[in-house]
Amino acid sequence: MPFAPERALGLMSRHAVDWYAMSEDLPSAESRVTVDGANIRLDWQRSNWTTHLALVATLKERLRAAGYPIVLSKAFDRRTPSHQCGTVRIGLDLATSPLDPFCRAFDHPNLFVVDASFLPTSAAVNPSLTIAAQALRVADHVARTDLRTHRDMR
């Protein structure tokens, strides 16, 4: 609020409560992260916007009913994406997905992708524990298959 008086903002913020209404964009093949020269490009398509706006409207209605006289909202935009997932597909066939079920790249057998990109969705929650569990699963698979085979060849 660049044009609001500092004193008024201070008074308001001392009596304010922040609420965060979170929903998720549904997976969309049109949303992707690409590299364009030296730049990383985010093509993000809002795929659940109408439902999100309904959620925010309901939240505002309930907050007013609970006694909050002023309820303001501001949506995040592409400058604040969080929990981006689903940029690399997992599957059984290179023609439809670059990673196998153990996150190994079909065309680069020493490359494993175990960040949030293998997840088709975050289900509107922080995916850190799911990513960690997948990394442990993949590491166990590598230790049981690739490393064992390598040791046996010596």
Protein backbone atom coordinates (compact mmCIF):
# COMPACT_ATOMS: atom_id res chain seq x y z
CA MET A 1 0.00 0.00 0.00
CA PRO A 2 2.51 2.61 -1.17
CA PHE A 3 0.13 5.60 -0.90
CA ALA A 4 -1.36 4.89 2.53
CA PRO A 5 -0.11 7.01 5.44
CA GLU A 6 2.53 5.18 7.49
CA ARG A 7 0.78 5.99 10.77
CA ALA A 8 -2.54 4.54 9.58
CA LEU A 9 -0.81 1.40 8.33
CA GLY A 10 0.94 0.96 11.67
CA LEU A 11 -2.32 1.32 13.59
CA MET A 12 -4.08 -1.13 11.29
CA SER A 13 -1.29 -3.71 11.36
CA ARG A 14 -1.18 -3.71 15.19
CA HIS A 15 -4.84 -4.78 15.16
CA ALA A 16 -4.70 -7.15 12.20
CA VAL A 17 -4.60 -10.90 11.87
CA ASP A 18 -3.17 -12.58 8.77
CA TRP A 19 -5.08 -15.51 7.32
CA TYR A 20 -3.92 -17.57 4.39
CA ALA A 21 -6.43 -19.28 2.09
CA MET A 22 -4.61 -21.90 0.09
CA SER A 23 -5.82 -24.08 -2.72
CA GLU A 24 -3.95 -25.74 -5.50
CA ASP A 25 -3.82 -25.46 -9.24
CA LEU A 26 -4.81 -28.74 -10.77
CA PRO A 27 -2.16 -30.41 -12.95
CA SER A 28 -2.01 -28.90 -16.43
CA ALA A 29 0.17 -29.94 -19.35
CA GLU A 30 0.31 -26.26 -20.33
CA SER A 31 2.10 -25.31 -17.08
CA ARG A 32 5.81 -25.92 -17.34
CA VAL A 33 9.29 -24.66 -16.55
CA THR A 34 11.64 -24.27 -19.51
CA VAL A 35 15.05 -22.81 -20.20
CA ASP A 36 15.20 -19.98 -22.73
CA GLY A 37 18.85 -19.14 -23.36
CA ALA A 38 20.22 -17.97 -20.01
CA ASN A 39 16.73 -17.48 -18.53
CA ILE A 40 14.42 -19.85 -16.70
CA ARG A 41 10.85 -19.42 -17.89
CA LEU A 42 7.75 -20.25 -15.85
CA ASP A 43 4.59 -20.85 -17.87
CA TRP A 44 1.97 -21.14 -15.15
CA GLN A 45 -1.66 -21.63 -16.04
CA ARG A 46 -4.15 -21.09 -13.24
CA SER A 47 -6.32 -24.16 -13.53
CA ASN A 48 -8.47 -23.84 -10.42
CA TRP A 49 -8.97 -20.07 -10.17
CA THR A 50 -12.78 -20.00 -10.06
CA THR A 51 -12.84 -22.49 -7.19
CA HIS A 52 -10.11 -20.58 -5.37
CA LEU A 53 -12.05 -17.32 -5.65
CA ALA A 54 -15.11 -19.09 -4.21
CA LEU A 55 -12.97 -20.31 -1.29
CA VAL A 56 -11.71 -16.77 -0.62
CA ALA A 57 -15.24 -15.35 -0.81
CA THR A 58 -16.48 -17.93 1.70
CA LEU A 59 -13.55 -17.23 4.01
CA LYS A 60 -14.23 -13.48 3.87
CA GLU A 61 -17.92 -14.08 4.62
CA ARG A 62 -17.07 -16.24 7.65
CA LEU A 63 -14.50 -13.77 8.96
CA ARG A 64 -17.01 -10.93 8.75
CA ALA A 65 -19.59 -13.09 10.51
CA ALA A 66 -16.99 -13.75 13.24
CA GLY A 67 -16.64 -10.01 13.82
CA TYR A 68 -13.77 -8.88 11.64
CA PRO A 69 -14.95 -5.48 10.33
CA ILE A 70 -12.40 -5.19 7.49
CA VAL A 71 -11.32 -8.16 5.41
CA LEU A 72 -8.79 -7.57 2.65
CA SER A 73 -7.34 -10.09 0.24
CA LYS A 74 -4.54 -10.21 -2.29
CA ALA A 75 -3.72 -13.19 -4.47
CA PHE A 76 -0.21 -14.43 -5.00
CA ASP A 77 1.01 -14.13 -8.55
CA ARG A 78 3.81 -15.71 -10.54
CA ARG A 79 6.40 -13.82 -8.46
CA THR A 80 5.51 -16.01 -5.48
CA PRO A 81 4.92 -19.54 -6.75
CA SER A 82 5.20 -22.15 -4.06
CA HIS A 83 5.48 -25.90 -4.11
CA GLN A 84 5.83 -26.11 -7.87
CA CYS A 85 5.53 -29.74 -8.91
CA GLY A 86 4.94 -31.86 -11.94
CA THR A 87 7.55 -30.63 -14.40
CA VAL A 88 8.92 -34.13 -15.13
CA ARG A 89 6.63 -37.11 -15.70
CA ILE A 90 7.22 -40.62 -14.38
CA GLY A 91 6.15 -43.60 -16.44
CA LEU A 92 7.09 -46.86 -18.05
CA ASP A 93 7.78 -45.54 -21.56
CA LEU A 94 10.23 -42.87 -22.77
CA ALA A 95 7.67 -41.83 -25.41
CA THR A 96 5.34 -40.53 -22.69
CA SER A 97 7.66 -39.73 -19.79
CA PRO A 98 11.36 -39.01 -19.31
CA LEU A 99 11.65 -40.82 -15.93
CA ASP A 100 11.04 -44.42 -14.93
CA PRO A 101 9.19 -45.28 -11.67
CA PHE A 102 12.47 -44.93 -9.73
CA CYS A 103 13.03 -41.38 -11.07
CA ARG A 104 15.84 -42.54 -13.39
CA ALA A 105 16.06 -40.69 -16.69
CA PHE A 106 15.47 -43.10 -19.57
CA ASP A 107 18.00 -41.34 -21.80
CA HIS A 108 20.64 -40.68 -19.09
CA PRO A 109 20.86 -43.77 -16.84
CA ASN A 110 23.06 -42.05 -14.24
CA LEU A 111 20.56 -39.20 -13.76
CA PHE A 112 17.92 -39.46 -11.04
CA VAL A 113 15.43 -36.63 -10.49
CA VAL A 114 14.14 -36.63 -6.92
CA ASP A 115 13.03 -33.05 -6.38
CA ALA A 116 9.39 -31.87 -6.49
CA SER A 117 9.25 -32.18 -10.26
CA PHE A 118 8.38 -35.91 -10.16
CA LEU A 119 5.19 -35.18 -8.17
CA PRO A 120 2.11 -34.61 -10.32
CA THR A 121 0.66 -32.38 -7.56
CA SER A 122 1.47 -31.20 -4.05
CA ALA A 123 -2.16 -31.55 -2.90
CA ALA A 124 -1.90 -27.94 -1.63
CA VAL A 125 0.52 -28.91 1.14
CA ASN A 126 4.27 -28.69 1.56
CA PRO A 127 5.68 -31.74 -0.29
CA SER A 128 9.03 -31.86 1.56
CA LEU A 129 8.40 -35.13 3.43
CA THR A 130 7.07 -36.84 0.30
CA ILE A 131 10.16 -35.72 -1.62
CA ALA A 132 12.44 -36.97 1.16
CA ALA A 133 10.63 -40.33 1.23
CA GLN A 134 10.98 -40.67 -2.54
CA ALA A 135 14.68 -39.79 -2.35
CA LEU A 136 15.19 -42.53 0.26
CA ARG A 137 13.21 -44.99 -1.88
CA VAL A 138 15.31 -44.16 -4.95
CA ALA A 139 18.58 -44.34 -2.97
CA ASP A 140 17.60 -47.76 -1.62
CA HIS A 141 16.81 -48.95 -5.16
CA VAL A 142 20.17 -47.67 -6.46
CA ALA A 143 22.01 -49.35 -3.57
CA ARG A 144 20.21 -52.67 -4.13
CA THR A 145 20.49 -52.75 -7.93
CA ASP A 146 23.15 -50.49 -9.45
CA LEU A 147 25.71 -50.50 -6.63
CA ARG A 148 25.34 -54.23 -5.96
CA THR A 149 25.81 -54.99 -9.67
CA HIS A 150 28.86 -52.69 -9.76
CA ARG A 151 30.40 -54.41 -6.71
CA ASP A 152 29.72 -57.86 -8.18
CA MET A 153 31.61 -56.92 -11.37
CA ARG A 154 34.88 -56.29 -9.51
